[in-house]
């Protein structure tokens, strides 16, 4: 569980880093701009751009997943430690 907490911290650091945020936003904006400028006949291009956006979203989702898992693990660790501390005080 402590590995999950560590990974969550790393994921949060990476995902919130200004350069990463900026790059992800720029990639999405570029893809949406290109979709808007395609002609009706360019279905393959729009589909390619759609998959690009899905890949960017998937990248973000993986980091978000690790962050959430780490938060849950941190809560479980804290709960465990509180129980152990309460148990020691009773004895």
N, C-alpha and C. Protein backbone atom coordinates (compact mmCIF):
# COMPACT_ATOMS: atom_id res chain seq x y z
N UNK A 1 0.81 -1.20 0.00
CA UNK A 1 0.00 0.00 0.00
C UNK A 1 0.85 1.27 0.00
N UNK A 2 1.97 1.19 0.65
CA UNK A 2 2.84 2.37 0.67
C UNK A 2 3.39 2.68 -0.71
N UNK A 3 3.56 1.64 -1.54
CA UNK A 3 3.97 1.86 -2.93
C UNK A 3 2.88 2.63 -3.69
N UNK A 4 1.62 2.30 -3.41
CA UNK A 4 0.52 3.00 -4.06
C UNK A 4 0.51 4.47 -3.66
N UNK A 5 0.78 4.75 -2.41
CA UNK A 5 0.82 6.13 -1.93
C UNK A 5 1.97 6.87 -2.62
N UNK A 6 3.11 6.22 -2.73
CA UNK A 6 4.27 6.83 -3.39
C UNK A 6 3.97 7.09 -4.86
N UNK A 7 3.40 6.10 -5.53
CA UNK A 7 3.06 6.26 -6.94
C UNK A 7 2.03 7.36 -7.15
N UNK A 8 1.11 7.47 -6.22
CA UNK A 8 0.10 8.53 -6.32
C UNK A 8 0.76 9.90 -6.24
N UNK A 9 1.72 10.04 -5.36
CA UNK A 9 2.43 11.31 -5.25
C UNK A 9 3.19 11.63 -6.52
N UNK A 10 3.82 10.63 -7.09
CA UNK A 10 4.55 10.84 -8.34
C UNK A 10 3.58 11.19 -9.48
N UNK A 11 2.48 10.47 -9.55
CA UNK A 11 1.49 10.72 -10.60
C UNK A 11 0.91 12.13 -10.48
N UNK A 12 0.62 12.52 -9.26
CA UNK A 12 0.07 13.86 -9.03
C UNK A 12 1.08 14.93 -9.42
N UNK A 13 2.33 14.69 -9.07
CA UNK A 13 3.39 15.64 -9.41
C UNK A 13 3.52 15.78 -10.93
N UNK A 14 3.52 14.66 -11.62
CA UNK A 14 3.66 14.69 -13.08
C UNK A 14 2.45 15.35 -13.73
N UNK A 15 1.25 14.90 -13.34
CA UNK A 15 0.04 15.41 -13.98
C UNK A 15 -0.20 16.87 -13.69
N UNK A 16 0.27 17.36 -12.56
CA UNK A 16 0.04 18.77 -12.23
C UNK A 16 1.21 19.67 -12.66
N UNK A 17 2.26 19.06 -13.18
CA UNK A 17 3.41 19.86 -13.61
C UNK A 17 2.98 20.79 -14.74
N UNK A 18 3.34 22.07 -14.66
CA UNK A 18 2.90 23.03 -15.68
C UNK A 18 3.26 22.65 -17.12
N UNK A 19 4.44 22.08 -17.33
CA UNK A 19 4.82 21.69 -18.69
C UNK A 19 3.95 20.55 -19.22
N UNK A 20 3.65 19.60 -18.36
CA UNK A 20 2.81 18.47 -18.77
C UNK A 20 1.39 18.96 -19.04
N UNK A 21 0.85 19.77 -18.12
CA UNK A 21 -0.50 20.33 -18.31
C UNK A 21 -0.57 21.11 -19.62
N UNK A 22 0.41 21.94 -19.83
CA UNK A 22 0.44 22.76 -21.04
C UNK A 22 0.51 21.90 -22.29
N UNK A 23 1.34 20.89 -22.27
CA UNK A 23 1.48 20.00 -23.43
C UNK A 23 0.18 19.26 -23.71
N UNK A 24 -0.45 18.73 -22.68
CA UNK A 24 -1.70 18.01 -22.88
C UNK A 24 -2.80 18.92 -23.42
N UNK A 25 -2.90 20.11 -22.87
CA UNK A 25 -3.90 21.06 -23.36
C UNK A 25 -3.63 21.46 -24.81
N UNK A 26 -2.36 21.67 -25.14
CA UNK A 26 -2.00 22.04 -26.51
C UNK A 26 -2.30 20.91 -27.48
N UNK A 27 -2.01 19.67 -27.09
CA UNK A 27 -2.30 18.53 -27.95
C UNK A 27 -3.80 18.39 -28.22
N UNK A 28 -4.59 18.54 -27.15
CA UNK A 28 -6.05 18.45 -27.31
C UNK A 28 -6.56 19.59 -28.18
N UNK A 29 -6.11 20.80 -27.90
CA UNK A 29 -6.57 21.96 -28.67
C UNK A 29 -6.23 21.80 -30.15
N UNK A 30 -5.03 21.32 -30.42
CA UNK A 30 -4.61 21.11 -31.80
C UNK A 30 -5.50 20.09 -32.49
N UNK A 31 -5.79 19.00 -31.80
CA UNK A 31 -6.63 17.95 -32.40
C UNK A 31 -8.04 18.47 -32.66
N UNK A 32 -8.61 19.20 -31.68
CA UNK A 32 -9.96 19.73 -31.88
C UNK A 32 -9.98 20.76 -33.03
N UNK A 33 -8.95 21.57 -33.10
CA UNK A 33 -8.87 22.56 -34.18
C UNK A 33 -8.81 21.87 -35.54
N UNK A 34 -8.03 20.81 -35.61
CA UNK A 34 -7.91 20.07 -36.87
C UNK A 34 -9.22 19.37 -37.24
N UNK A 35 -9.93 18.85 -36.23
CA UNK A 35 -11.23 18.22 -36.50
C UNK A 35 -12.19 19.25 -37.09
N UNK A 36 -12.21 20.43 -36.49
CA UNK A 36 -13.12 21.47 -36.96
C UNK A 36 -12.79 21.93 -38.39
N UNK A 37 -11.54 21.81 -38.78
CA UNK A 37 -11.16 22.28 -40.11
C UNK A 37 -11.22 21.20 -41.18
N UNK A 38 -11.60 19.98 -40.81
CA UNK A 38 -11.68 18.92 -41.82
C UNK A 38 -12.91 19.12 -42.70
N UNK A 39 -12.82 18.61 -43.88
CA UNK A 39 -13.94 18.64 -44.82
C UNK A 39 -14.83 17.43 -44.53
N UNK A 40 -16.10 17.51 -44.92
CA UNK A 40 -17.00 16.37 -44.66
C UNK A 40 -16.47 15.04 -45.20
N UNK A 41 -15.74 15.09 -46.28
CA UNK A 41 -15.23 13.84 -46.89
C UNK A 41 -14.02 13.25 -46.14
N UNK A 42 -13.45 13.99 -45.20
CA UNK A 42 -12.23 13.54 -44.50
C UNK A 42 -12.56 12.75 -43.23
N UNK A 43 -13.34 11.72 -43.38
CA UNK A 43 -13.74 10.92 -42.22
C UNK A 43 -12.55 10.19 -41.59
N UNK A 44 -11.63 9.71 -42.40
CA UNK A 44 -10.46 9.00 -41.85
C UNK A 44 -9.61 9.94 -41.00
N UNK A 45 -9.44 11.17 -41.43
CA UNK A 45 -8.67 12.15 -40.66
C UNK A 45 -9.35 12.45 -39.33
N UNK A 46 -10.69 12.63 -39.37
CA UNK A 46 -11.42 12.90 -38.12
C UNK A 46 -11.34 11.71 -37.17
N UNK A 47 -11.42 10.52 -37.72
CA UNK A 47 -11.32 9.33 -36.87
C UNK A 47 -9.94 9.23 -36.24
N UNK A 48 -8.90 9.51 -37.01
CA UNK A 48 -7.54 9.52 -36.48
C UNK A 48 -7.41 10.53 -35.34
N UNK A 49 -7.95 11.72 -35.55
CA UNK A 49 -7.88 12.76 -34.51
C UNK A 49 -8.69 12.37 -33.28
N UNK A 50 -9.83 11.74 -33.49
CA UNK A 50 -10.63 11.24 -32.38
C UNK A 50 -9.81 10.26 -31.53
N UNK A 51 -9.13 9.36 -32.19
CA UNK A 51 -8.31 8.38 -31.46
C UNK A 51 -7.13 9.06 -30.74
N UNK A 52 -6.61 10.10 -31.34
CA UNK A 52 -5.54 10.87 -30.68
C UNK A 52 -6.07 11.49 -29.38
N UNK A 53 -7.24 12.08 -29.44
CA UNK A 53 -7.85 12.68 -28.24
C UNK A 53 -8.11 11.61 -27.19
N UNK A 54 -8.59 10.45 -27.63
CA UNK A 54 -8.84 9.35 -26.68
C UNK A 54 -7.54 8.88 -26.03
N UNK A 55 -6.46 8.87 -26.78
CA UNK A 55 -5.16 8.47 -26.22
C UNK A 55 -4.69 9.49 -25.17
N UNK A 56 -4.88 10.76 -25.45
CA UNK A 56 -4.51 11.80 -24.48
C UNK A 56 -5.35 11.65 -23.22
N UNK A 57 -6.64 11.44 -23.40
CA UNK A 57 -7.53 11.24 -22.25
C UNK A 57 -7.15 9.99 -21.46
N UNK A 58 -6.77 8.94 -22.18
CA UNK A 58 -6.34 7.71 -21.52
C UNK A 58 -5.07 7.91 -20.71
N UNK A 59 -4.16 8.68 -21.24
CA UNK A 59 -2.92 9.01 -20.53
C UNK A 59 -3.26 9.71 -19.21
N UNK A 60 -4.13 10.71 -19.28
CA UNK A 60 -4.54 11.42 -18.07
C UNK A 60 -5.28 10.50 -17.10
N UNK A 61 -6.12 9.64 -17.64
CA UNK A 61 -6.90 8.73 -16.80
C UNK A 61 -6.01 7.77 -16.02
N UNK A 62 -4.94 7.31 -16.64
CA UNK A 62 -4.03 6.41 -15.94
C UNK A 62 -3.40 7.09 -14.72
N UNK A 63 -3.01 8.33 -14.89
CA UNK A 63 -2.43 9.07 -13.77
C UNK A 63 -3.49 9.33 -12.70
N UNK A 64 -4.69 9.69 -13.13
CA UNK A 64 -5.79 9.94 -12.19
C UNK A 64 -6.11 8.67 -11.41
N UNK A 65 -6.08 7.54 -12.07
CA UNK A 65 -6.33 6.26 -11.41
C UNK A 65 -5.30 6.03 -10.30
N UNK A 66 -4.03 6.26 -10.59
CA UNK A 66 -2.99 6.07 -9.57
C UNK A 66 -3.17 7.05 -8.41
N UNK A 67 -3.58 8.26 -8.71
CA UNK A 67 -3.81 9.25 -7.66
C UNK A 67 -4.94 8.80 -6.75
N UNK A 68 -6.04 8.35 -7.33
CA UNK A 68 -7.18 7.89 -6.52
C UNK A 68 -6.83 6.64 -5.71
N UNK A 69 -6.13 5.71 -6.33
CA UNK A 69 -5.71 4.50 -5.61
C UNK A 69 -4.81 4.86 -4.43
N UNK A 70 -3.93 5.81 -4.64
CA UNK A 70 -3.04 6.25 -3.57
C UNK A 70 -3.79 6.92 -2.44
N UNK A 71 -4.81 7.68 -2.77
CA UNK A 71 -5.62 8.33 -1.72
C UNK A 71 -6.34 7.28 -0.88
N UNK A 72 -6.88 6.28 -1.55
CA UNK A 72 -7.55 5.21 -0.81
C UNK A 72 -6.55 4.45 0.06
N UNK A 73 -5.40 4.15 -0.49
CA UNK A 73 -4.37 3.44 0.27
C UNK A 73 -3.92 4.28 1.47
N UNK A 74 -3.73 5.58 1.26
CA UNK A 74 -3.33 6.47 2.36
C UNK A 74 -4.38 6.44 3.47
N UNK A 75 -5.66 6.47 3.08
CA UNK A 75 -6.74 6.41 4.07
C UNK A 75 -6.73 5.11 4.85
N UNK A 76 -6.47 4.01 4.15
CA UNK A 76 -6.42 2.71 4.82
C UNK A 76 -5.23 2.63 5.78
N UNK A 77 -4.11 3.17 5.35
CA UNK A 77 -2.92 3.18 6.22
C UNK A 77 -3.18 4.02 7.46
N UNK A 78 -3.76 5.19 7.27
CA UNK A 78 -4.06 6.06 8.41
C UNK A 78 -5.05 5.41 9.37
N UNK A 79 -6.05 4.74 8.83
CA UNK A 79 -7.03 4.05 9.65
C UNK A 79 -6.36 2.92 10.44
N UNK A 80 -5.51 2.17 9.78
CA UNK A 80 -4.78 1.09 10.44
C UNK A 80 -3.92 1.64 11.57
N UNK A 81 -3.18 2.70 11.30
CA UNK A 81 -2.32 3.29 12.32
C UNK A 81 -3.12 3.83 13.49
N UNK A 82 -4.28 4.41 13.21
CA UNK A 82 -5.14 4.93 14.29
C UNK A 82 -5.64 3.78 15.16
N UNK A 83 -6.00 2.68 14.54
CA UNK A 83 -6.45 1.51 15.30
C UNK A 83 -5.32 0.96 16.17
N UNK A 84 -4.13 0.88 15.57
CA UNK A 84 -2.98 0.38 16.33
C UNK A 84 -2.67 1.31 17.51
N UNK A 85 -2.75 2.59 17.29
CA UNK A 85 -2.49 3.55 18.35
C UNK A 85 -3.53 3.45 19.44
N UNK A 86 -4.79 3.30 19.07
CA UNK A 86 -5.87 3.16 20.06
C UNK A 86 -5.71 1.86 20.83
N UNK A 87 -5.29 0.83 20.16
CA UNK A 87 -5.09 -0.48 20.80
C UNK A 87 -3.97 -0.39 21.85
N UNK A 88 -2.90 0.33 21.50
CA UNK A 88 -1.79 0.47 22.45
C UNK A 88 -2.18 1.29 23.68
N UNK A 89 -3.03 2.27 23.46
CA UNK A 89 -3.46 3.10 24.60
C UNK A 89 -4.34 2.31 25.55
N UNK A 90 -5.10 1.35 25.05
CA UNK A 90 -5.98 0.55 25.89
C UNK A 90 -5.19 -0.47 26.72
N UNK A 91 -4.03 -0.84 26.25
CA UNK A 91 -3.27 -1.87 26.97
C UNK A 91 -2.23 -1.27 27.87
